[in-house]
Amino acid sequence: MTERDMIRRLRRSGMLDGLSGPGPGRPEPVLFWAEREPAFYLRATAISALLMIPIAFFMPGLFVLFLAFLSLSSWINARAFRFEVGPRTLTVRQSLLLPRMVVPLGDIANLVARPDPGGRLFGSADGAGVLLVHLRGGHTLVVPGLKDVQEAIAAIRTIQAGSDGRAAGLPDSGPGPGGGAVAAG
């Protein structure tokens, strides 16, 4: 079996749905997207490196290899992060190993912004923090490390209300400090 045959079989079985791209059918347009603050990944890498410092004294080569692996895994997770709001759904992918979560906007009961607790250790940009998405079923989705939490909340509420991005004063195109809004229409 060739690689093409294997990919065709996986596509037909549906196992690739949600891993790369929107899956079968027409993709939903992205009206707003947000980024994570780079300090979020720096903190995770620095704390792991500090915990492994004792290894540096006994096996410096292994420690350097560990630091390279940490840096690579942080970069991969930063590239895999997705926070996208479409006309009907909120799509969140926290890291490479976690599945993509698609939440209908109608299921969102409340949005709460909290300051980033890790920002006290290494500092964080203004507006950065944790977004708590309370769902109608009683569950809470936690999205840590967003660059501009208030911008994300405003965009979700605007799109939930059914108006386009220009009505709430969101930028027509291009990224803002923590993501971007695209003109809806």
Protein backbone atom coordinates (compact mmCIF):
# COMPACT_ATOMS: atom_id res chain seq x y z
CA MET A 1 0.00 0.00 0.00
CA THR A 2 1.37 3.40 -0.97
CA GLU A 3 1.14 6.57 1.08
CA ARG A 4 -1.55 7.96 -1.22
CA ASP A 5 -3.70 4.87 -0.71
CA MET A 6 -3.26 5.11 3.04
CA ILE A 7 -4.24 8.80 3.06
CA ARG A 8 -7.30 8.08 0.89
CA ARG A 9 -8.41 5.32 3.26
CA LEU A 10 -7.94 7.55 6.30
CA ARG A 11 -9.92 10.36 4.67
CA ARG A 12 -12.77 7.99 3.78
CA SER A 13 -12.85 6.56 7.31
CA GLY A 14 -13.16 10.03 8.83
CA MET A 15 -10.14 9.61 11.12
CA LEU A 16 -8.51 12.77 9.74
CA ASP A 17 -11.57 14.94 10.38
CA GLY A 18 -10.71 17.71 12.79
CA LEU A 19 -6.97 17.07 12.71
CA SER A 20 -6.14 19.33 9.80
CA GLY A 21 -8.67 21.69 8.39
CA PRO A 22 -12.38 21.92 8.90
CA GLY A 23 -13.26 18.43 7.66
CA PRO A 24 -15.84 17.62 5.01
CA GLY A 25 -18.15 20.27 3.67
CA ARG A 26 -17.63 23.98 3.34
CA PRO A 27 -15.32 25.53 5.93
CA GLU A 28 -16.82 28.13 8.22
CA PRO A 29 -15.21 31.55 7.75
CA VAL A 30 -13.12 32.85 10.62
CA LEU A 31 -14.40 36.23 11.81
CA PHE A 32 -11.97 36.63 14.71
CA TRP A 33 -8.79 34.90 15.87
CA ALA A 34 -6.57 35.39 18.90
CA GLU A 35 -2.98 34.56 19.78
CA ARG A 36 -1.27 33.46 22.93
CA GLU A 37 1.27 35.70 24.56
CA PRO A 38 4.84 34.44 23.91
CA ALA A 39 5.58 34.77 27.64
CA PHE A 40 3.10 31.93 28.23
CA TYR A 41 5.46 29.51 26.47
CA LEU A 42 8.57 31.13 27.93
CA ARG A 43 7.27 30.52 31.46
CA ALA A 44 6.58 26.84 30.78
CA THR A 45 10.04 26.37 29.27
CA ALA A 46 11.81 28.28 32.05
CA ILE A 47 10.07 26.42 34.88
CA SER A 48 10.84 23.03 33.31
CA ALA A 49 14.47 24.04 32.75
CA LEU A 50 14.82 25.22 36.36
CA LEU A 51 13.51 21.90 37.63
CA MET A 52 16.08 20.03 35.54
CA ILE A 53 19.13 22.10 36.60
CA PRO A 54 20.46 19.33 38.88
CA ILE A 55 20.94 17.17 35.78
CA ALA A 56 23.19 19.89 34.30
CA PHE A 57 25.88 19.20 36.91
CA PHE A 58 26.03 15.47 36.29
CA MET A 59 25.12 15.21 32.59
CA PRO A 60 25.55 18.55 30.83
CA GLY A 61 25.09 17.03 27.37
CA LEU A 62 21.74 15.57 28.37
CA PHE A 63 20.68 18.91 29.85
CA VAL A 64 21.47 20.74 26.59
CA LEU A 65 19.49 18.11 24.68
CA PHE A 66 16.62 18.55 27.14
CA LEU A 67 16.65 22.35 26.63
CA ALA A 68 16.60 21.87 22.86
CA PHE A 69 13.64 19.51 23.18
CA LEU A 70 11.82 21.98 25.46
CA SER A 71 12.34 24.83 23.03
CA LEU A 72 11.15 22.71 20.09
CA SER A 73 8.06 21.48 21.92
CA SER A 74 7.17 25.05 22.98
CA TRP A 75 7.49 26.24 19.39
CA ILE A 76 5.35 23.35 18.09
CA ASN A 77 2.64 24.02 20.68
CA ALA A 78 2.69 27.73 19.84
CA ARG A 79 2.16 26.87 16.16
CA ALA A 80 -0.66 24.41 16.99
CA PHE A 81 -2.66 26.84 19.17
CA ARG A 82 -5.93 27.98 17.61
CA PHE A 83 -8.60 30.33 18.96
CA GLU A 84 -11.01 31.15 16.16
CA VAL A 85 -14.54 32.52 16.20
CA GLY A 86 -16.79 31.85 13.24
CA PRO A 87 -20.38 32.92 12.61
CA ARG A 88 -21.75 29.98 14.61
CA THR A 89 -18.83 28.38 16.48
CA LEU A 90 -15.84 28.98 18.73
CA THR A 91 -12.92 26.71 17.83
CA VAL A 92 -10.13 26.17 20.37
CA ARG A 93 -7.08 23.95 20.11
CA GLN A 94 -4.84 24.34 23.16
CA SER A 95 -1.83 22.30 22.00
CA LEU A 96 -0.70 19.72 19.49
CA LEU A 97 -1.69 16.73 21.61
CA LEU A 98 -5.14 17.99 22.58
CA PRO A 99 -8.12 17.69 20.24
CA ARG A 100 -9.73 20.66 18.57
CA MET A 101 -12.85 21.72 20.47
CA VAL A 102 -15.72 23.27 18.56
CA VAL A 103 -18.29 25.02 20.75
CA PRO A 104 -21.47 26.47 19.26
CA LEU A 105 -21.77 30.16 20.17
CA GLY A 106 -25.30 29.51 21.41
CA ASP A 107 -23.89 27.18 24.11
CA ILE A 108 -21.79 29.96 25.66
CA ALA A 109 -23.51 31.26 28.79
CA ASN A 110 -20.86 33.64 30.13
CA LEU A 111 -17.35 34.91 29.38
CA VAL A 112 -15.01 35.94 32.19
CA ALA A 113 -11.56 37.54 31.95
CA ARG A 114 -9.02 36.82 34.67
CA PRO A 115 -5.46 38.11 35.04
CA ASP A 116 -2.75 35.66 34.12
CA PRO A 117 -1.43 34.14 37.38
CA GLY A 118 1.92 33.37 35.77
CA GLY A 119 2.32 37.01 34.81
CA ARG A 120 3.37 37.81 38.36
CA LEU A 121 6.48 35.65 37.97
CA PHE A 122 7.75 36.72 34.55
CA GLY A 123 5.56 39.70 33.74
CA SER A 124 2.91 39.84 31.07
CA ALA A 125 1.59 42.38 28.61
CA ASP A 126 -1.37 44.62 29.38
CA GLY A 127 -4.62 42.85 28.60
CA ALA A 128 -3.11 39.37 28.67
CA GLY A 129 -4.82 36.80 30.81
CA VAL A 130 -7.05 33.77 31.10
CA LEU A 131 -10.42 33.48 29.39
CA LEU A 132 -13.07 31.40 31.14
CA VAL A 133 -15.87 30.28 28.82
CA HIS A 134 -18.83 29.09 30.91
CA LEU A 135 -21.07 26.78 28.88
CA ARG A 136 -24.79 26.25 29.36
CA GLY A 137 -24.27 22.62 30.40
CA GLY A 138 -22.32 23.72 33.48
CA HIS A 139 -18.86 23.06 32.03
CA THR A 140 -16.11 25.66 31.84
CA LEU A 141 -13.53 25.97 29.08
CA VAL A 142 -10.29 27.60 30.27
CA VAL A 143 -8.09 29.32 27.67
CA PRO A 144 -4.89 30.56 29.36
CA GLY A 145 -2.36 33.03 28.00
CA LEU A 146 -4.40 35.05 25.49
CA LYS A 147 -2.73 38.29 24.44
CA ASP A 148 -5.87 40.42 24.76
CA VAL A 149 -8.71 38.76 26.63
CA GLN A 150 -11.08 41.75 26.51
CA GLU A 151 -10.76 41.91 22.72
CA ALA A 152 -11.67 38.20 22.49
CA ILE A 153 -14.70 38.68 24.76
CA ALA A 154 -15.89 41.70 22.75
CA ALA A 155 -15.52 39.79 19.49
CA ILE A 156 -17.43 36.73 20.76
CA ARG A 157 -20.23 38.86 22.15
CA THR A 158 -20.47 40.89 18.95
CA ILE A 159 -20.61 37.79 16.76
CA GLN A 160 -23.11 36.16 19.15
CA ALA A 161 -25.35 39.19 18.79
CA GLY A 162 -25.37 38.70 15.04
CA SER A 163 -23.82 42.01 14.11
CA ASP A 164 -20.66 42.39 12.07
CA GLY A 165 -17.27 43.39 13.47
CA ARG A 166 -17.55 47.04 12.44
CA ALA A 167 -20.57 47.62 14.71
CA ALA A 168 -18.51 47.07 17.87
CA GLY A 169 -15.51 49.06 16.70
CA LEU A 170 -13.40 45.98 15.92
CA PRO A 171 -10.75 46.51 13.26
CA ASP A 172 -11.87 45.72 9.71
CA SER A 173 -8.78 43.68 8.91
CA GLY A 174 -5.34 42.87 10.19
CA PRO A 175 -4.33 41.67 13.58
CA GLY A 176 -4.83 43.72 16.70
CA PRO A 177 -2.55 43.37 19.71
CA GLY A 178 -3.91 39.91 20.54
CA GLY A 179 -5.36 38.64 17.30
CA GLY A 180 -7.53 40.02 14.61
CA ALA A 181 -10.98 40.51 13.30
CA VAL A 182 -12.00 40.11 9.72
CA ALA A 183 -14.85 42.10 8.25
CA ALA A 184 -17.90 39.87 8.33
CA GLY A 185 -19.53 40.32 5.06
